[in-house]
Amino acid sequence: MIIRSNKALEETVTTGLQLFKKGECFDAVILMKNHGLPNSVIARVLYEQNRIRNTDFQN
């Protein structure tokens, strides 16, 4: 399935982030990849989420 709208993109990224937060990183990447997100977008989403998580632990 290829993303055709911003709403679908938002839902895919949100679901992927929920999986990532639960520690299911592999499933998050597969979900986003199966929905047509390019590797660069997936990497950026996971990088930002990891950066936010690391910042939370430091505070």
PDB file of N, CA and C in Angstrom:
ATOM      1  N   MET A   1       0.844  -1.181   0.000  1.00  0.00           N
ATOM      2  CA  MET A   1       0.000   0.000   0.000  1.00  0.00           C
ATOM      3  C   MET A   1       0.886   1.240   0.000  1.00  0.00           C
ATOM      4  N   ILE A   2       0.626   2.153  -0.869  1.00  0.00           N
ATOM      5  CA  ILE A   2       1.403   3.382  -0.973  1.00  0.00           C
ATOM      6  C   ILE A   2       0.570   4.536  -0.415  1.00  0.00           C
ATOM      7  N   ILE A   3       1.228   5.389   0.340  1.00  0.00           N
ATOM      8  CA  ILE A   3       0.531   6.535   0.950  1.00  0.00           C
ATOM      9  C   ILE A   3       0.101   7.516  -0.139  1.00  0.00           C
ATOM     10  N   ARG A   4      -1.144   7.947  -0.050  1.00  0.00           N
ATOM     11  CA  ARG A   4      -1.666   8.869  -1.038  1.00  0.00           C
ATOM     12  C   ARG A   4      -2.204  10.151  -0.414  1.00  0.00           C
ATOM     13  N   SER A   5      -2.188  10.267   0.898  1.00  0.00           N
ATOM     14  CA  SER A   5      -2.698  11.477   1.529  1.00  0.00           C
ATOM     15  C   SER A   5      -1.902  11.797   2.778  1.00  0.00           C
ATOM     16  N   ASN A   6      -1.977  13.041   3.196  1.00  0.00           N
ATOM     17  CA  ASN A   6      -1.294  13.456   4.422  1.00  0.00           C
ATOM     18  C   ASN A   6      -1.882  12.757   5.638  1.00  0.00           C
ATOM     19  N   LYS A   7      -3.179  12.495   5.630  1.00  0.00           N
ATOM     20  CA  LYS A   7      -3.834  11.813   6.747  1.00  0.00           C
ATOM     21  C   LYS A   7      -3.273  10.396   6.905  1.00  0.00           C
ATOM     22  N   ALA A   8      -3.132   9.689   5.799  1.00  0.00           N
ATOM     23  CA  ALA A   8      -2.574   8.338   5.845  1.00  0.00           C
ATOM     24  C   ALA A   8      -1.120   8.378   6.327  1.00  0.00           C
ATOM     25  N   LEU A   9      -0.363   9.373   5.866  1.00  0.00           N
ATOM     26  CA  LEU A   9       1.025   9.529   6.307  1.00  0.00           C
ATOM     27  C   LEU A   9       1.082   9.769   7.803  1.00  0.00           C
ATOM     28  N   GLU A  10       0.241  10.650   8.291  1.00  0.00           N
ATOM     29  CA  GLU A  10       0.203  10.964   9.721  1.00  0.00           C
ATOM     30  C   GLU A  10      -0.155   9.733  10.554  1.00  0.00           C
ATOM     31  N   GLU A  11      -1.136   8.977  10.109  1.00  0.00           N
ATOM     32  CA  GLU A  11      -1.540   7.771  10.837  1.00  0.00           C
ATOM     33  C   GLU A  11      -0.433   6.721  10.848  1.00  0.00           C
ATOM     34  N   THR A  12       0.254   6.577   9.724  1.00  0.00           N
ATOM     35  CA  THR A  12       1.341   5.599   9.636  1.00  0.00           C
ATOM     36  C   THR A  12       2.484   5.975  10.568  1.00  0.00           C
ATOM     37  N   VAL A  13       2.878   7.238  10.551  1.00  0.00           N
ATOM     38  CA  VAL A  13       3.970   7.686  11.412  1.00  0.00           C
ATOM     39  C   VAL A  13       3.566   7.582  12.874  1.00  0.00           C
ATOM     40  N   THR A  14       2.337   7.962  13.203  1.00  0.00           N
ATOM     41  CA  THR A  14       1.867   7.872  14.587  1.00  0.00           C
ATOM     42  C   THR A  14       1.886   6.431  15.079  1.00  0.00           C
ATOM     43  N   THR A  15       1.388   5.525  14.269  1.00  0.00           N
ATOM     44  CA  THR A  15       1.394   4.106  14.642  1.00  0.00           C
ATOM     45  C   THR A  15       2.821   3.598  14.782  1.00  0.00           C
ATOM     46  N   GLY A  16       3.686   3.989  13.858  1.00  0.00           N
ATOM     47  CA  GLY A  16       5.090   3.591  13.926  1.00  0.00           C
ATOM     48  C   GLY A  16       5.756   4.094  15.200  1.00  0.00           C
ATOM     49  N   LEU A  17       5.463   5.326  15.580  1.00  0.00           N
ATOM     50  CA  LEU A  17       6.041   5.879  16.808  1.00  0.00           C
ATOM     51  C   LEU A  17       5.514   5.163  18.048  1.00  0.00           C
ATOM     52  N   GLN A  18       4.252   4.787  18.028  1.00  0.00           N
ATOM     53  CA  GLN A  18       3.704   4.036  19.160  1.00  0.00           C
ATOM     54  C   GLN A  18       4.420   2.700  19.311  1.00  0.00           C
ATOM     55  N   LEU A  19       4.678   2.028  18.193  1.00  0.00           N
ATOM     56  CA  LEU A  19       5.416   0.763  18.240  1.00  0.00           C
ATOM     57  C   LEU A  19       6.841   1.000  18.741  1.00  0.00           C
ATOM     58  N   PHE A  20       7.471   2.052  18.257  1.00  0.00           N
ATOM     59  CA  PHE A  20       8.835   2.367  18.658  1.00  0.00           C
ATOM     60  C   PHE A  20       8.913   2.629  20.160  1.00  0.00           C
ATOM     61  N   LYS A  21       7.947   3.350  20.692  1.00  0.00           N
ATOM     62  CA  LYS A  21       7.924   3.660  22.124  1.00  0.00           C
ATOM     63  C   LYS A  21       7.737   2.411  22.971  1.00  0.00           C
ATOM     64  N   LYS A  22       7.055   1.411  22.419  1.00  0.00           N
ATOM     65  CA  LYS A  22       6.862   0.149  23.140  1.00  0.00           C
ATOM     66  C   LYS A  22       8.067  -0.767  22.989  1.00  0.00           C
ATOM     67  N   GLY A  23       9.078  -0.321  22.264  1.00  0.00           N
ATOM     68  CA  GLY A  23      10.278  -1.124  22.078  1.00  0.00           C
ATOM     69  C   GLY A  23      10.230  -2.045  20.875  1.00  0.00           C
ATOM     70  N   GLU A  24       9.239  -1.891  20.043  1.00  0.00           N
ATOM     71  CA  GLU A  24       9.084  -2.742  18.864  1.00  0.00           C
ATOM     72  C   GLU A  24       9.602  -1.996  17.626  1.00  0.00           C
ATOM     73  N   CYS A  25      10.911  -1.697  17.655  1.00  0.00           N
ATOM     74  CA  CYS A  25      11.520  -0.886  16.602  1.00  0.00           C
ATOM     75  C   CYS A  25      11.429  -1.549  15.230  1.00  0.00           C
ATOM     76  N   PHE A  26      11.717  -2.842  15.185  1.00  0.00           N
ATOM     77  CA  PHE A  26      11.682  -3.558  13.910  1.00  0.00           C
ATOM     78  C   PHE A  26      10.285  -3.485  13.296  1.00  0.00           C
ATOM     79  N   ASP A  27       9.250  -3.709  14.117  1.00  0.00           N
ATOM     80  CA  ASP A  27       7.873  -3.648  13.620  1.00  0.00           C
ATOM     81  C   ASP A  27       7.528  -2.240  13.132  1.00  0.00           C
ATOM     82  N   ALA A  28       8.039  -1.237  13.824  1.00  0.00           N
ATOM     83  CA  ALA A  28       7.779   0.149  13.428  1.00  0.00           C
ATOM     84  C   ALA A  28       8.365   0.433  12.045  1.00  0.00           C
ATOM     85  N   VAL A  29       9.596  -0.006  11.827  1.00  0.00           N
ATOM     86  CA  VAL A  29      10.250   0.215  10.534  1.00  0.00           C
ATOM     87  C   VAL A  29       9.524  -0.545   9.429  1.00  0.00           C
ATOM     88  N   ILE A  30       9.169  -1.796   9.681  1.00  0.00           N
ATOM     89  CA  ILE A  30       8.453  -2.591   8.677  1.00  0.00           C
ATOM     90  C   ILE A  30       7.113  -1.941   8.334  1.00  0.00           C
ATOM     91  N   LEU A  31       6.381  -1.483   9.330  1.00  0.00           N
ATOM     92  CA  LEU A  31       5.096  -0.819   9.094  1.00  0.00           C
ATOM     93  C   LEU A  31       5.276   0.378   8.171  1.00  0.00           C
ATOM     94  N   MET A  32       6.228   1.240   8.522  1.00  0.00           N
ATOM     95  CA  MET A  32       6.426   2.451   7.722  1.00  0.00           C
ATOM     96  C   MET A  32       6.931   2.109   6.314  1.00  0.00           C
ATOM     97  N   LYS A  33       7.803   1.115   6.218  1.00  0.00           N
ATOM     98  CA  LYS A  33       8.322   0.705   4.907  1.00  0.00           C
ATOM     99  C   LYS A  33       7.198   0.122   4.042  1.00  0.00           C
ATOM    100  N   ASN A  34       6.337  -0.700   4.633  1.00  0.00           N
ATOM    101  CA  ASN A  34       5.227  -1.296   3.889  1.00  0.00           C
ATOM    102  C   ASN A  34       4.221  -0.264   3.405  1.00  0.00           C
ATOM    103  N   HIS A  35       4.190   0.895   4.058  1.00  0.00           N
ATOM    104  CA  HIS A  35       3.265   1.945   3.654  1.00  0.00           C
ATOM    105  C   HIS A  35       3.911   2.959   2.720  1.00  0.00           C
ATOM    106  N   GLY A  36       5.101   2.620   2.232  1.00  0.00           N
ATOM    107  CA  GLY A  36       5.694   3.427   1.171  1.00  0.00           C
ATOM    108  C   GLY A  36       6.588   4.562   1.611  1.00  0.00           C
ATOM    109  N   LEU A  37       6.916   4.660   2.888  1.00  0.00           N
ATOM    110  CA  LEU A  37       7.813   5.725   3.312  1.00  0.00           C
ATOM    111  C   LEU A  37       9.231   5.391   2.880  1.00  0.00           C
ATOM    112  N   PRO A  38       9.942   6.380   2.343  1.00  0.00           N
ATOM    113  CA  PRO A  38      11.335   6.119   1.955  1.00  0.00           C
ATOM    114  C   PRO A  38      12.222   5.943   3.192  1.00  0.00           C
ATOM    115  N   ASN A  39      13.337   5.264   3.013  1.00  0.00           N
ATOM    116  CA  ASN A  39      14.250   5.007   4.123  1.00  0.00           C
ATOM    117  C   ASN A  39      14.685   6.288   4.824  1.00  0.00           C
ATOM    118  N   SER A  40      14.890   7.356   4.066  1.00  0.00           N
ATOM    119  CA  SER A  40      15.349   8.610   4.656  1.00  0.00           C
ATOM    120  C   SER A  40      14.311   9.183   5.629  1.00  0.00           C
ATOM    121  N   VAL A  41      13.039   9.045   5.297  1.00  0.00           N
ATOM    122  CA  VAL A  41      11.975   9.541   6.177  1.00  0.00           C
ATOM    123  C   VAL A  41      11.887   8.669   7.433  1.00  0.00           C
ATOM    124  N   ILE A  42      11.947   7.357   7.266  1.00  0.00           N
ATOM    125  CA  ILE A  42      11.902   6.442   8.405  1.00  0.00           C
ATOM    126  C   ILE A  42      13.068   6.724   9.342  1.00  0.00           C
ATOM    127  N   ALA A  43      14.256   6.883   8.780  1.00  0.00           N
ATOM    128  CA  ALA A  43      15.434   7.158   9.600  1.00  0.00           C
ATOM    129  C   ALA A  43      15.270   8.468  10.364  1.00  0.00           C
ATOM    130  N   ARG A  44      14.744   9.475   9.713  1.00  0.00           N
ATOM    131  CA  ARG A  44      14.565  10.776  10.367  1.00  0.00           C
ATOM    132  C   ARG A  44      13.551  10.689  11.503  1.00  0.00           C
ATOM    133  N   VAL A  45      12.447  10.009  11.270  1.00  0.00           N
ATOM    134  CA  VAL A  45      11.422   9.847  12.302  1.00  0.00           C
ATOM    135  C   VAL A  45      12.006   9.138  13.522  1.00  0.00           C
ATOM    136  N   LEU A  46      12.711   8.030  13.301  1.00  0.00           N
ATOM    137  CA  LEU A  46      13.279   7.273  14.410  1.00  0.00           C
ATOM    138  C   LEU A  46      14.409   8.036  15.091  1.00  0.00           C
ATOM    139  N   TYR A  47      15.198   8.781  14.311  1.00  0.00           N
ATOM    140  CA  TYR A  47      16.266   9.596  14.890  1.00  0.00           C
ATOM    141  C   TYR A  47      15.683  10.651  15.823  1.00  0.00           C
ATOM    142  N   GLU A  48      14.666  11.345  15.359  1.00  0.00           N
ATOM    143  CA  GLU A  48      14.051  12.395  16.172  1.00  0.00           C
ATOM    144  C   GLU A  48      13.422  11.816  17.438  1.00  0.00           C
ATOM    145  N   GLN A  49      12.764  10.687  17.307  1.00  0.00           N
ATOM    146  CA  GLN A  49      12.138  10.057  18.466  1.00  0.00           C
ATOM    147  C   GLN A  49      13.197   9.624  19.473  1.00  0.00           C
ATOM    148  N   ASN A  50      14.284   9.069  19.001  1.00  0.00           N
ATOM    149  CA  ASN A  50      15.359   8.643  19.882  1.00  0.00           C
ATOM    150  C   ASN A  50      16.017   9.848  20.559  1.00  0.00           C
ATOM    151  N   ARG A  51      16.174  10.938  19.816  1.00  0.00           N
ATOM    152  CA  ARG A  51      16.748  12.161  20.377  1.00  0.00           C
ATOM    153  C   ARG A  51      15.851  12.713  21.482  1.00  0.00           C
ATOM    154  N   ILE A  52      14.561  12.708  21.260  1.00  0.00           N
ATOM    155  CA  ILE A  52      13.611  13.178  22.267  1.00  0.00           C
ATOM    156  C   ILE A  52      13.668  12.278  23.494  1.00  0.00           C
ATOM    157  N   ARG A  53      13.708  10.969  23.276  1.00  0.00           N
ATOM    158  CA  ARG A  53      13.767  10.016  24.385  1.00  0.00           C
ATOM    159  C   ARG A  53      15.032  10.243  25.210  1.00  0.00           C
ATOM    160  N   ASN A  54      16.181  10.431  24.548  1.00  0.00           N
ATOM    161  CA  ASN A  54      17.438  10.656  25.263  1.00  0.00           C
ATOM    162  C   ASN A  54      17.415  11.963  26.038  1.00  0.00           C
ATOM    163  N   THR A  55      16.784  12.986  25.490  1.00  0.00           N
ATOM    164  CA  THR A  55      16.661  14.267  26.183  1.00  0.00           C
ATOM    165  C   THR A  55      15.803  14.120  27.432  1.00  0.00           C
ATOM    166  N   ASP A  56      14.729  13.340  27.342  1.00  0.00           N
ATOM    167  CA  ASP A  56      13.854  13.112  28.493  1.00  0.00           C
ATOM    168  C   ASP A  56      14.608  12.429  29.630  1.00  0.00           C
ATOM    169  N   PHE A  57      15.490  11.489  29.297  1.00  0.00           N
ATOM    170  CA  PHE A  57      16.239  10.772  30.329  1.00  0.00           C
ATOM    171  C   PHE A  57      17.260  11.671  31.009  1.00  0.00           C
ATOM    172  N   GLN A  58      17.767  12.667  30.294  1.00  0.00           N
ATOM    173  CA  GLN A  58      18.778  13.549  30.855  1.00  0.00           C
ATOM    174  C   GLN A  58      18.177  14.560  31.809  1.00  0.00           C
ATOM    175  N   ASN A  59      16.911  14.853  31.676  1.00  0.00           N
ATOM    176  CA  ASN A  59      16.258  15.861  32.540  1.00  0.00           C
ATOM    177  C   ASN A  59      15.737  15.255  33.804  1.00  0.00           C
TER     178      ASN A  59
END
